[in-house]
């Protein structure tokens, strides 16, 4: 007896492949609009492009890394949504 294949989404959460694809397509649609692109650019400037000096605390760095993860997840969803359309 073959088990159904488990699908783990981009975010590490188990859901159907179709639902994961739908989420990515919705995120891609939102952030493909001019306003969405500007918002994502703003998010990147506050997170991924942020550089800290040697005096940053562990707590501050962990907080920033969590924010960076979330912005990177949005970007991964956008790329997945675009691939899903093709």
Protein backbone atom coordinates (compact mmCIF):
# COMPACT_ATOMS: atom_id res chain seq x y z
CA UNK A 1 0.00 0.00 0.00
CA UNK A 2 1.47 3.33 -1.09
CA UNK A 3 1.26 6.27 1.28
CA UNK A 4 0.10 9.62 -0.07
CA UNK A 5 3.05 11.95 -0.66
CA UNK A 6 3.42 14.59 2.02
CA UNK A 7 3.97 18.09 0.67
CA UNK A 8 6.01 20.48 2.78
CA UNK A 9 5.64 24.05 1.55
CA UNK A 10 8.27 26.71 1.04
CA UNK A 11 7.65 27.89 4.60
CA UNK A 12 8.11 24.41 6.08
CA UNK A 13 4.41 23.91 6.75
CA UNK A 14 2.57 20.83 5.53
CA UNK A 15 -0.29 21.61 3.17
CA UNK A 16 -1.48 20.36 -0.19
CA UNK A 17 0.68 21.16 -3.19
CA UNK A 18 -2.24 23.04 -4.77
CA UNK A 19 -2.81 25.22 -1.68
CA UNK A 20 0.92 25.97 -1.47
CA UNK A 21 0.88 26.98 -5.15
CA UNK A 22 -2.19 29.19 -4.61
CA UNK A 23 -0.53 30.99 -1.70
CA UNK A 24 2.57 31.66 -3.79
CA UNK A 25 0.51 32.93 -6.71
CA UNK A 26 -1.44 35.32 -4.45
CA UNK A 27 1.77 36.66 -2.89
CA UNK A 28 3.33 37.06 -6.35
CA UNK A 29 0.27 38.95 -7.57
CA UNK A 30 0.28 41.36 -4.61
CA UNK A 31 3.99 42.12 -4.85
CA UNK A 32 4.00 42.38 -8.66
CA UNK A 33 1.90 45.54 -8.60
CA UNK A 34 3.88 48.81 -8.51
CA UNK A 35 2.83 49.51 -4.91
CA UNK A 36 3.73 45.97 -3.84
CA UNK A 37 7.17 46.29 -5.46
CA UNK A 38 7.80 49.49 -3.52
CA UNK A 39 6.65 47.90 -0.26
CA UNK A 40 8.97 44.92 -0.82
CA UNK A 41 11.82 47.32 -1.62
CA UNK A 42 11.13 49.06 1.70
CA UNK A 43 11.06 45.72 3.57
CA UNK A 44 14.40 44.74 1.98
CA UNK A 45 16.00 48.06 2.96
CA UNK A 46 15.00 47.52 6.59
CA UNK A 47 16.05 43.88 6.78
CA UNK A 48 18.16 42.12 4.16
CA UNK A 49 20.17 45.22 3.25
CA UNK A 50 20.65 46.28 6.89
CA UNK A 51 24.20 46.03 8.21
CA UNK A 52 24.97 45.96 11.93
CA UNK A 53 28.20 46.83 13.67
CA UNK A 54 30.08 44.69 16.16
CA UNK A 55 28.16 46.13 19.11
CA UNK A 56 24.81 44.62 18.12
CA UNK A 57 23.36 42.42 20.86
CA UNK A 58 22.44 38.79 20.34
CA UNK A 59 18.79 39.65 20.90
CA UNK A 60 18.84 42.44 18.31
CA UNK A 61 20.58 40.19 15.81
CA UNK A 62 18.08 37.38 16.35
CA UNK A 63 15.22 39.81 15.90
CA UNK A 64 16.69 41.12 12.65
CA UNK A 65 17.39 37.61 11.35
CA UNK A 66 13.73 36.71 11.94
CA UNK A 67 12.69 39.75 9.92
CA UNK A 68 15.15 38.84 7.17
CA UNK A 69 13.76 35.31 7.06
CA UNK A 70 10.25 36.65 6.58
CA UNK A 71 11.23 39.00 3.74
CA UNK A 72 13.21 36.20 2.08
CA UNK A 73 10.14 33.95 2.42
CA UNK A 74 8.03 36.56 0.61
CA UNK A 75 10.62 36.67 -2.17
CA UNK A 76 10.66 32.87 -2.40
CA UNK A 77 6.85 32.84 -2.60
CA UNK A 78 6.97 35.42 -5.42
CA UNK A 79 9.46 33.32 -7.39
CA UNK A 80 7.40 30.16 -6.77
CA UNK A 81 4.24 31.95 -7.87
CA UNK A 82 5.88 33.08 -11.11
CA UNK A 83 7.20 29.56 -11.79
CA UNK A 84 3.73 28.12 -11.10
CA UNK A 85 2.16 30.35 -13.77
CA UNK A 86 4.47 29.00 -16.47
